[in-house]
Structures are given as C-alpha cells and as structure tokens.
Amino acid sequence: MDIKRFTLNDLLQKANINPELVLVLRHVPKEPELKKYLPQLAAEEHDIFNGYQQSQEKMLEKVMQSLSGSGYIASFIGQRKGKAIYVGLYTIGKCKQLT
C-alpha cells in the first residue's frame, strides 16, 4: 500500500486557498472543565464553540481583523503535546471589537 503524507498547506493549496490567508488556532483552554468539554462543544454546540473561538486576546484579534473578509481559521483543539483534533476551516467574516 502506498500512503502519501499531506501537510495542511498541501490540502489548502489543493482547495485553492492561499495558506498565507489562513490563521491556525490550537485551542488549549486553561480551565479544566472547558478543556474537558471543548471537543464536545465543537462537535455538538457549534454556536457556543464559535462564540468561544471568535473571542480572542487583543493581539490575535488584530490579526483576525487584518484577514477580515478574505481569511480563514484552521481550528484545532490541543489534546497533549504534539496532538490535536481538527475541528474545521472557517471563513473570517466581518470583525468588530467587543467591550
């Protein structure tokens, strides 16, 4: 059996997505309960997961704003060192700052 390995950039390019427009997020919550249930939220409670994913610290929000309307988020949930669950590829729509 011949198995070929693809990187994320390979897969993005095959989908005609410029990897430079993709922000990779590896979610690793510090709160034990959120860390435990985040995979379930991503799988079953899309609105709640998206709310969590859309609210980030200022520096990351600035990067997200710079990609607004043309960029993507490749979303992963960190499991342990070197391991993560792929959640999905999301478009970055209009951004607005929340207080």
Protein backbone atom coordinates (compact mmCIF):
# COMPACT_ATOMS: atom_id res chain seq x y z
CA MET A 1 0.00 0.00 0.00
CA ASP A 2 1.36 3.41 -0.98
CA ILE A 3 0.38 6.10 1.53
CA LYS A 4 1.17 9.73 0.78
CA ARG A 5 1.50 12.32 3.52
CA PHE A 6 -0.08 15.74 3.01
CA THR A 7 0.63 18.84 5.06
CA LEU A 8 -2.06 21.38 5.91
CA ASN A 9 -0.56 23.72 3.30
CA ASP A 10 -0.83 20.96 0.66
CA LEU A 11 -4.52 20.47 1.45
CA LEU A 12 -5.21 24.22 1.43
CA GLN A 13 -3.50 24.66 -1.93
CA LYS A 14 -5.48 21.73 -3.38
CA ALA A 15 -8.62 23.66 -2.33
CA ASN A 16 -7.26 26.84 -3.99
CA ILE A 17 -6.79 28.56 -0.63
CA ASN A 18 -3.67 30.63 -0.12
CA PRO A 19 -2.03 29.32 3.08
CA GLU A 20 -0.86 32.87 3.87
CA LEU A 21 -4.52 33.78 4.44
CA VAL A 22 -5.04 31.01 6.99
CA LEU A 23 -4.62 31.55 10.71
CA VAL A 24 -4.09 28.26 12.57
CA LEU A 25 -5.64 28.21 16.05
CA ARG A 26 -4.78 25.48 18.53
CA HIS A 27 -7.26 25.89 21.37
CA VAL A 28 -5.91 24.75 24.74
CA PRO A 29 -8.14 26.16 27.50
CA LYS A 30 -6.61 26.56 30.94
CA GLU A 31 -9.91 25.89 32.71
CA PRO A 32 -10.16 22.12 33.38
CA GLU A 33 -13.91 21.88 32.72
CA LEU A 34 -13.70 23.80 29.44
CA LYS A 35 -10.69 21.72 28.38
CA LYS A 36 -12.71 18.57 29.07
CA TYR A 37 -15.85 19.66 27.19
CA LEU A 38 -14.43 21.75 24.33
CA PRO A 39 -14.31 18.81 21.87
CA GLN A 40 -17.96 18.08 22.64
CA LEU A 41 -18.88 21.75 22.15
CA ALA A 42 -17.08 21.79 18.80
CA ALA A 43 -18.93 18.66 17.67
CA GLU A 44 -22.41 19.37 19.04
CA GLU A 45 -22.78 23.02 20.09
CA HIS A 46 -21.47 24.93 17.11
CA ASP A 47 -22.79 28.36 18.21
CA ILE A 48 -21.13 28.07 21.62
CA PHE A 49 -17.85 26.86 20.14
CA ASN A 50 -17.89 29.66 17.57
CA GLY A 51 -18.52 32.20 20.34
CA TYR A 52 -15.50 30.85 22.21
CA GLN A 53 -13.38 30.83 19.07
CA GLN A 54 -14.36 34.34 18.00
CA SER A 55 -13.29 35.97 21.27
CA GLN A 56 -9.52 36.13 21.50
CA GLU A 57 -6.87 38.26 23.13
CA LYS A 58 -6.10 41.65 21.56
CA MET A 59 -3.04 40.67 19.53
CA LEU A 60 -4.80 37.70 17.94
CA GLU A 61 -7.94 39.77 17.33
CA LYS A 62 -5.83 42.29 15.39
CA VAL A 63 -4.54 39.50 13.15
CA MET A 64 -8.08 38.22 12.67
CA GLN A 65 -9.26 41.74 11.77
CA SER A 66 -6.48 42.04 9.19
CA LEU A 67 -7.86 38.90 7.50
CA SER A 68 -11.50 40.01 7.79
CA GLY A 69 -13.46 39.13 4.66
CA SER A 70 -10.59 37.29 2.96
CA GLY A 71 -9.02 34.97 5.51
CA TYR A 72 -9.65 31.67 7.21
CA ILE A 73 -9.15 29.99 10.56
CA ALA A 74 -7.98 26.40 10.65
CA SER A 75 -9.25 25.33 14.05
CA PHE A 76 -7.74 22.60 16.23
CA ILE A 77 -8.22 21.54 19.86
CA GLY A 78 -4.98 20.65 21.61
CA GLN A 79 -5.01 17.28 23.35
CA ARG A 80 -1.47 16.70 24.59
CA LYS A 81 1.96 17.70 23.38
CA GLY A 82 2.11 17.27 19.61
CA LYS A 83 -1.51 16.05 19.31
CA ALA A 84 -4.64 17.96 18.34
CA ILE A 85 -8.13 17.34 16.98
CA TYR A 86 -9.02 19.10 13.72
CA VAL A 87 -12.31 20.97 14.14
CA GLY A 88 -12.75 22.72 10.80
CA LEU A 89 -11.83 25.50 8.42
CA TYR A 90 -13.78 28.71 8.99
CA THR A 91 -14.02 31.90 6.96
CA ILE A 92 -13.28 35.12 8.80
CA GLY A 93 -16.23 37.43 8.25
CA LYS A 94 -16.68 41.00 9.37
CA CYS A 95 -14.96 41.78 12.64
CA LYS A 96 -15.96 44.23 15.33
CA GLN A 97 -14.39 44.91 18.67
CA LEU A 98 -16.40 43.96 21.74
CA THR A 99 -16.02 45.67 25.08
